[in-house]
C-alpha cells in the first residue's frame, strides 16, 4: 500500500507530516525526517488497528 505524505512547516520551525487518506494521521518533528518517521509510525498503527477491527468483526 502506498500513501502520500504531505509536509508543511510551522512558523516556529517544526515540520508537520500528514497522510490525507488516513484521518488523524498528523505528526510533528524538529526536522522533516523526524516528522516523516513519526507520521509513518502513526500511519502503521492506524492501519494495524483497522485491520484488527476487520479481523475481529469477521470472527
N, C-alpha and C. Protein backbone atom coordinates (compact mmCIF):
# COMPACT_ATOMS: atom_id res chain seq x y z
N UNK A 1 0.85 -1.17 0.00
CA UNK A 1 0.00 0.00 0.00
C UNK A 1 0.90 1.24 0.00
N UNK A 2 0.64 2.14 -0.90
CA UNK A 2 1.37 3.41 -0.94
C UNK A 2 0.45 4.53 -0.52
N UNK A 3 0.95 5.37 0.37
CA UNK A 3 0.18 6.51 0.83
C UNK A 3 1.02 7.78 0.64
N UNK A 4 0.37 8.83 0.27
CA UNK A 4 1.04 10.12 0.08
C UNK A 4 1.16 10.83 1.41
N UNK A 5 2.34 11.39 1.64
CA UNK A 5 2.59 12.19 2.84
C UNK A 5 2.79 13.63 2.41
N UNK A 6 2.04 14.53 3.03
CA UNK A 6 2.18 15.96 2.75
C UNK A 6 2.93 16.61 3.90
N UNK A 7 3.78 17.56 3.57
CA UNK A 7 4.58 18.25 4.58
C UNK A 7 4.24 19.74 4.60
N UNK A 8 4.37 20.29 5.78
CA UNK A 8 4.21 21.73 5.97
C UNK A 8 5.16 22.11 7.08
N UNK A 9 5.44 23.39 7.18
CA UNK A 9 6.33 23.86 8.24
C UNK A 9 5.65 24.97 9.02
N UNK A 10 5.66 24.83 10.33
CA UNK A 10 5.07 25.82 11.23
C UNK A 10 5.98 27.05 11.30
N UNK A 11 5.43 28.14 11.78
CA UNK A 11 6.22 29.37 11.91
C UNK A 11 7.33 29.22 12.95
N UNK A 12 7.18 28.27 13.87
CA UNK A 12 8.23 28.05 14.88
C UNK A 12 9.31 27.08 14.39
N UNK A 13 9.20 26.63 13.15
CA UNK A 13 10.22 25.77 12.55
C UNK A 13 9.92 24.29 12.57
N UNK A 14 8.90 23.87 13.34
CA UNK A 14 8.56 22.45 13.37
C UNK A 14 7.98 22.01 12.03
N UNK A 15 8.27 20.76 11.68
CA UNK A 15 7.71 20.17 10.47
C UNK A 15 6.46 19.36 10.83
N UNK A 16 5.53 19.31 9.89
CA UNK A 16 4.31 18.53 10.05
C UNK A 16 4.23 17.55 8.88
N UNK A 17 3.98 16.30 9.19
CA UNK A 17 3.74 15.28 8.16
C UNK A 17 2.30 14.81 8.32
N UNK A 18 1.56 14.80 7.23
CA UNK A 18 0.15 14.39 7.27
C UNK A 18 -0.11 13.39 6.16
N UNK A 19 -0.91 12.36 6.48
CA UNK A 19 -1.33 11.37 5.50
C UNK A 19 -2.82 11.62 5.25
N UNK A 20 -3.15 12.33 4.18
CA UNK A 20 -4.54 12.73 3.94
C UNK A 20 -5.55 11.58 3.88
N UNK A 21 -5.15 10.42 3.40
CA UNK A 21 -6.09 9.30 3.28
C UNK A 21 -6.36 8.59 4.60
N UNK A 22 -5.62 8.98 5.64
CA UNK A 22 -5.84 8.40 6.96
C UNK A 22 -6.15 9.54 7.93
N UNK A 23 -7.41 9.84 8.12
CA UNK A 23 -7.78 10.95 9.01
C UNK A 23 -7.14 10.82 10.39
N UNK A 24 -6.59 11.91 10.85
CA UNK A 24 -5.97 11.94 12.17
C UNK A 24 -4.49 11.63 12.17
N UNK A 25 -3.95 11.21 11.02
CA UNK A 25 -2.52 10.90 10.96
C UNK A 25 -1.79 12.19 10.62
N UNK A 26 -1.30 12.82 11.68
CA UNK A 26 -0.62 14.10 11.60
C UNK A 26 0.46 14.07 12.67
N UNK A 27 1.71 14.27 12.27
CA UNK A 27 2.80 14.17 13.24
C UNK A 27 3.78 15.32 13.06
N UNK A 28 4.35 15.74 14.17
CA UNK A 28 5.32 16.83 14.18
C UNK A 28 6.72 16.30 14.39
N UNK A 29 7.71 17.08 13.93
CA UNK A 29 9.10 16.75 14.17
C UNK A 29 9.96 17.99 14.07
N UNK A 30 11.14 17.95 14.70
CA UNK A 30 12.07 19.08 14.61
C UNK A 30 12.61 19.21 13.19
N UNK A 31 12.71 18.06 12.50
CA UNK A 31 13.16 18.05 11.10
C UNK A 31 12.11 17.36 10.25
N UNK A 32 12.24 17.52 8.94
CA UNK A 32 11.32 16.84 8.03
C UNK A 32 11.41 15.32 8.21
N UNK A 33 12.63 14.82 8.40
CA UNK A 33 12.83 13.38 8.57
C UNK A 33 12.17 12.88 9.85
N UNK A 34 12.26 13.65 10.94
CA UNK A 34 11.60 13.25 12.19
C UNK A 34 10.08 13.24 12.03
N UNK A 35 9.56 14.24 11.35
CA UNK A 35 8.11 14.29 11.11
C UNK A 35 7.67 13.10 10.27
N UNK A 36 8.46 12.77 9.24
CA UNK A 36 8.13 11.63 8.39
C UNK A 36 8.14 10.34 9.19
N UNK A 37 9.17 10.12 10.00
CA UNK A 37 9.27 8.90 10.79
C UNK A 37 8.08 8.78 11.75
N UNK A 38 7.74 9.87 12.41
CA UNK A 38 6.60 9.85 13.34
C UNK A 38 5.29 9.62 12.59
N UNK A 39 5.15 10.25 11.43
CA UNK A 39 3.94 10.07 10.62
C UNK A 39 3.80 8.65 10.11
N UNK A 40 4.91 8.06 9.68
CA UNK A 40 4.87 6.67 9.21
C UNK A 40 4.48 5.73 10.34
N UNK A 41 5.05 5.94 11.52
CA UNK A 41 4.73 5.08 12.66
C UNK A 41 3.25 5.19 13.02
N UNK A 42 2.73 6.40 13.02
CA UNK A 42 1.32 6.60 13.34
C UNK A 42 0.43 5.98 12.27
N UNK A 43 0.80 6.15 11.00
CA UNK A 43 0.02 5.56 9.91
C UNK A 43 -0.02 4.04 10.03
N UNK A 44 1.12 3.43 10.35
CA UNK A 44 1.15 1.97 10.51
C UNK A 44 0.26 1.53 11.66
N UNK A 45 0.26 2.30 12.73
CA UNK A 45 -0.59 1.96 13.88
C UNK A 45 -2.07 2.04 13.50
N UNK A 46 -2.45 3.09 12.79
CA UNK A 46 -3.85 3.25 12.36
C UNK A 46 -4.26 2.11 11.43
N UNK A 47 -3.38 1.77 10.49
CA UNK A 47 -3.68 0.67 9.57
C UNK A 47 -3.81 -0.65 10.33
N UNK A 48 -2.90 -0.91 11.27
CA UNK A 48 -2.96 -2.15 12.06
C UNK A 48 -4.24 -2.20 12.88
N UNK A 49 -4.62 -1.08 13.48
CA UNK A 49 -5.86 -1.05 14.26
C UNK A 49 -7.06 -1.33 13.37
N UNK A 50 -7.08 -0.76 12.18
CA UNK A 50 -8.20 -1.00 11.26
C UNK A 50 -8.25 -2.47 10.85
N UNK A 51 -7.10 -3.03 10.55
CA UNK A 51 -7.05 -4.44 10.14
C UNK A 51 -7.53 -5.33 11.29
N UNK A 52 -7.14 -4.99 12.51
CA UNK A 52 -7.57 -5.75 13.67
C UNK A 52 -9.08 -5.71 13.85
N UNK A 53 -9.67 -4.55 13.60
CA UNK A 53 -11.13 -4.43 13.72
C UNK A 53 -11.82 -5.25 12.66
N UNK A 54 -11.29 -5.29 11.47
CA UNK A 54 -11.89 -6.08 10.39
C UNK A 54 -11.80 -7.57 10.74
N UNK A 55 -10.65 -8.00 11.23
CA UNK A 55 -10.47 -9.40 11.60
C UNK A 55 -11.41 -9.81 12.71
N UNK A 56 -11.55 -8.97 13.74
CA UNK A 56 -12.42 -9.32 14.86
C UNK A 56 -13.88 -9.32 14.46
N UNK A 57 -14.28 -8.46 13.56
CA UNK A 57 -15.67 -8.44 13.12
C UNK A 57 -16.02 -9.71 12.35
N UNK A 58 -15.05 -10.25 11.62
CA UNK A 58 -15.30 -11.41 10.80
C UNK A 58 -15.40 -12.70 11.58
N UNK A 59 -14.96 -12.71 12.84
CA UNK A 59 -14.98 -13.94 13.64
C UNK A 59 -16.32 -14.17 14.29
